[in-house]
Amino acid sequence: MNNVEARRIVVAESAKYRAKGYSDLVALLGHQDTYEVTGASGTVYQLEILAFWDDKPDGVLRVRAAIDDRGLRAYVPMIEDFLITPAGRFVGE
């Protein structure tokens, strides 16, 4: 897996979810968005976006984007995540 290309993709895809509101992100609970993106190199990457409570229900939500090239990195994908409060503020930034 080209780590530079994969990092660029996972950050860009994560930014699309960061642009959504808290209630839209809560809708991800219990399932995940899984899709493929083809990098400039022609490598096909798999992305999985999921959300889960960071501490307690109806509190801070963690949204995680994981990317791999469907090879060995599928076992240890590259991760990008963020925390968002019910008020729509990002935590730890």
C-alpha atoms as a PDB file:
ATOM      1  CA  MET A   1       0.000   0.000   0.000  1.00  0.00           C
ATOM      2  CA  ASN A   2       1.300   3.436  -0.853  1.00  0.00           C
ATOM      3  CA  ASN A   3       1.110   5.067   2.587  1.00  0.00           C
ATOM      4  CA  VAL A   4       1.325   8.634   1.253  1.00  0.00           C
ATOM      5  CA  GLU A   5      -1.491   8.078  -1.229  1.00  0.00           C
ATOM      6  CA  ALA A   6      -3.612   6.172   1.301  1.00  0.00           C
ATOM      7  CA  ARG A   7      -3.147   8.904   3.940  1.00  0.00           C
ATOM      8  CA  ARG A   8      -4.199  11.567   1.429  1.00  0.00           C
ATOM      9  CA  ILE A   9      -7.342   9.593   0.552  1.00  0.00           C
ATOM     10  CA  VAL A  10      -8.375   8.720   4.110  1.00  0.00           C
ATOM     11  CA  VAL A  11      -7.936  12.344   5.238  1.00  0.00           C
ATOM     12  CA  ALA A  12     -10.007  13.617   2.289  1.00  0.00           C
ATOM     13  CA  GLU A  13     -12.748  11.048   2.846  1.00  0.00           C
ATOM     14  CA  SER A  14     -12.797  11.748   6.581  1.00  0.00           C
ATOM     15  CA  ALA A  15     -13.216  15.465   5.819  1.00  0.00           C
ATOM     16  CA  LYS A  16     -16.465  14.685   3.979  1.00  0.00           C
ATOM     17  CA  TYR A  17     -17.854  13.185   7.182  1.00  0.00           C
ATOM     18  CA  ARG A  18     -16.499  16.041   9.312  1.00  0.00           C
ATOM     19  CA  ALA A  19     -18.631  18.361   7.194  1.00  0.00           C
ATOM     20  CA  LYS A  20     -21.797  16.536   8.302  1.00  0.00           C
ATOM     21  CA  GLY A  21     -23.741  17.432  11.414  1.00  0.00           C
ATOM     22  CA  TYR A  22     -23.782  15.462  14.642  1.00  0.00           C
ATOM     23  CA  SER A  23     -27.254  14.015  13.972  1.00  0.00           C
ATOM     24  CA  ASP A  24     -26.179  12.811  10.516  1.00  0.00           C
ATOM     25  CA  LEU A  25     -23.156  11.118  12.056  1.00  0.00           C
ATOM     26  CA  VAL A  26     -25.243   9.484  14.796  1.00  0.00           C
ATOM     27  CA  ALA A  27     -27.161   7.813  11.964  1.00  0.00           C
ATOM     28  CA  LEU A  28     -23.974   5.788  11.287  1.00  0.00           C
ATOM     29  CA  LEU A  29     -24.301   3.992  14.635  1.00  0.00           C
ATOM     30  CA  GLY A  30     -24.882   0.284  14.191  1.00  0.00           C
ATOM     31  CA  HIS A  31     -23.614   0.099  10.630  1.00  0.00           C
ATOM     32  CA  GLN A  32     -20.755   1.366   8.522  1.00  0.00           C
ATOM     33  CA  ASP A  33     -20.271   2.979   5.156  1.00  0.00           C
ATOM     34  CA  THR A  34     -17.983   0.777   3.077  1.00  0.00           C
ATOM     35  CA  TYR A  35     -16.846   1.754  -0.389  1.00  0.00           C
ATOM     36  CA  GLU A  36     -13.851   1.759  -2.709  1.00  0.00           C
ATOM     37  CA  VAL A  37     -11.721   4.632  -3.973  1.00  0.00           C
ATOM     38  CA  THR A  38      -9.136   4.364  -6.726  1.00  0.00           C
ATOM     39  CA  GLY A  39      -5.960   6.320  -6.060  1.00  0.00           C
ATOM     40  CA  ALA A  40      -3.940   8.203  -8.661  1.00  0.00           C
ATOM     41  CA  SER A  41      -1.588   5.205  -8.831  1.00  0.00           C
ATOM     42  CA  GLY A  42      -4.463   2.953  -9.896  1.00  0.00           C
ATOM     43  CA  THR A  43      -4.531   1.149  -6.554  1.00  0.00           C
ATOM     44  CA  VAL A  44      -8.049   0.358  -5.366  1.00  0.00           C
ATOM     45  CA  TYR A  45      -8.499   1.123  -1.674  1.00  0.00           C
ATOM     46  CA  GLN A  46     -11.326   0.016   0.566  1.00  0.00           C
ATOM     47  CA  LEU A  47     -12.687   2.531   3.045  1.00  0.00           C
ATOM     48  CA  GLU A  48     -14.832   1.812   6.064  1.00  0.00           C
ATOM     49  CA  ILE A  49     -16.438   4.668   7.964  1.00  0.00           C
ATOM     50  CA  LEU A  50     -18.088   3.946  11.282  1.00  0.00           C
ATOM     51  CA  ALA A  51     -19.279   5.817  14.333  1.00  0.00           C
ATOM     52  CA  PHE A  52     -19.483   4.811  17.967  1.00  0.00           C
ATOM     53  CA  TRP A  53     -19.952   6.499  21.319  1.00  0.00           C
ATOM     54  CA  ASP A  54     -16.618   7.553  22.731  1.00  0.00           C
ATOM     55  CA  ASP A  55     -17.767   7.321  26.344  1.00  0.00           C
ATOM     56  CA  LYS A  56     -21.536   7.162  26.861  1.00  0.00           C
ATOM     57  CA  PRO A  57     -24.646   7.195  24.673  1.00  0.00           C
ATOM     58  CA  ASP A  58     -25.802  10.608  23.458  1.00  0.00           C
ATOM     59  CA  GLY A  59     -22.417  12.117  24.299  1.00  0.00           C
ATOM     60  CA  VAL A  60     -19.243  12.534  22.309  1.00  0.00           C
ATOM     61  CA  LEU A  61     -19.235  10.550  19.098  1.00  0.00           C
ATOM     62  CA  ARG A  62     -16.094   9.076  17.542  1.00  0.00           C
ATOM     63  CA  VAL A  63     -16.085   8.725  13.769  1.00  0.00           C
ATOM     64  CA  ARG A  64     -13.387   6.481  12.362  1.00  0.00           C
ATOM     65  CA  ALA A  65     -12.234   6.109   8.764  1.00  0.00           C
ATOM     66  CA  ALA A  66     -10.124   3.052   7.981  1.00  0.00           C
ATOM     67  CA  ILE A  67      -8.372   2.446   4.665  1.00  0.00           C
ATOM     68  CA  ASP A  68      -6.598  -0.577   3.257  1.00  0.00           C
ATOM     69  CA  ASP A  69      -5.593  -1.946  -0.123  1.00  0.00           C
ATOM     70  CA  ARG A  70      -7.390  -5.280   0.420  1.00  0.00           C
ATOM     71  CA  GLY A  71      -3.995  -6.917   0.951  1.00  0.00           C
ATOM     72  CA  LEU A  72      -2.161  -7.514   4.213  1.00  0.00           C
ATOM     73  CA  ARG A  73      -3.074  -3.996   5.380  1.00  0.00           C
ATOM     74  CA  ALA A  74      -6.668  -5.201   5.657  1.00  0.00           C
ATOM     75  CA  TYR A  75      -5.585  -6.692   8.994  1.00  0.00           C
ATOM     76  CA  VAL A  76      -4.055  -3.412  10.181  1.00  0.00           C
ATOM     77  CA  PRO A  77      -5.688  -0.586   8.234  1.00  0.00           C
ATOM     78  CA  MET A  78      -4.586   3.027   8.325  1.00  0.00           C
ATOM     79  CA  ILE A  79      -6.937   4.993  10.599  1.00  0.00           C
ATOM     80  CA  GLU A  80      -8.132   8.595  10.699  1.00  0.00           C
ATOM     81  CA  ASP A  81     -10.709   9.584  13.294  1.00  0.00           C
ATOM     82  CA  PHE A  82     -12.292  12.523  15.035  1.00  0.00           C
ATOM     83  CA  LEU A  83     -14.502  13.274  18.025  1.00  0.00           C
ATOM     84  CA  ILE A  84     -17.585  15.476  17.835  1.00  0.00           C
ATOM     85  CA  THR A  85     -19.848  16.703  20.640  1.00  0.00           C
ATOM     86  CA  PRO A  86     -23.648  16.917  20.483  1.00  0.00           C
ATOM     87  CA  ALA A  87     -23.175  20.691  20.048  1.00  0.00           C
ATOM     88  CA  GLY A  88     -21.159  20.015  16.883  1.00  0.00           C
ATOM     89  CA  ARG A  89     -17.747  20.970  18.291  1.00  0.00           C
ATOM     90  CA  PHE A  90     -14.680  18.875  17.585  1.00  0.00           C
ATOM     91  CA  VAL A  91     -12.786  17.564  20.615  1.00  0.00           C
ATOM     92  CA  GLY A  92      -9.023  17.619  20.979  1.00  0.00           C
ATOM     93  CA  GLU A  93      -8.209  19.966  18.164  1.00  0.00           C
END
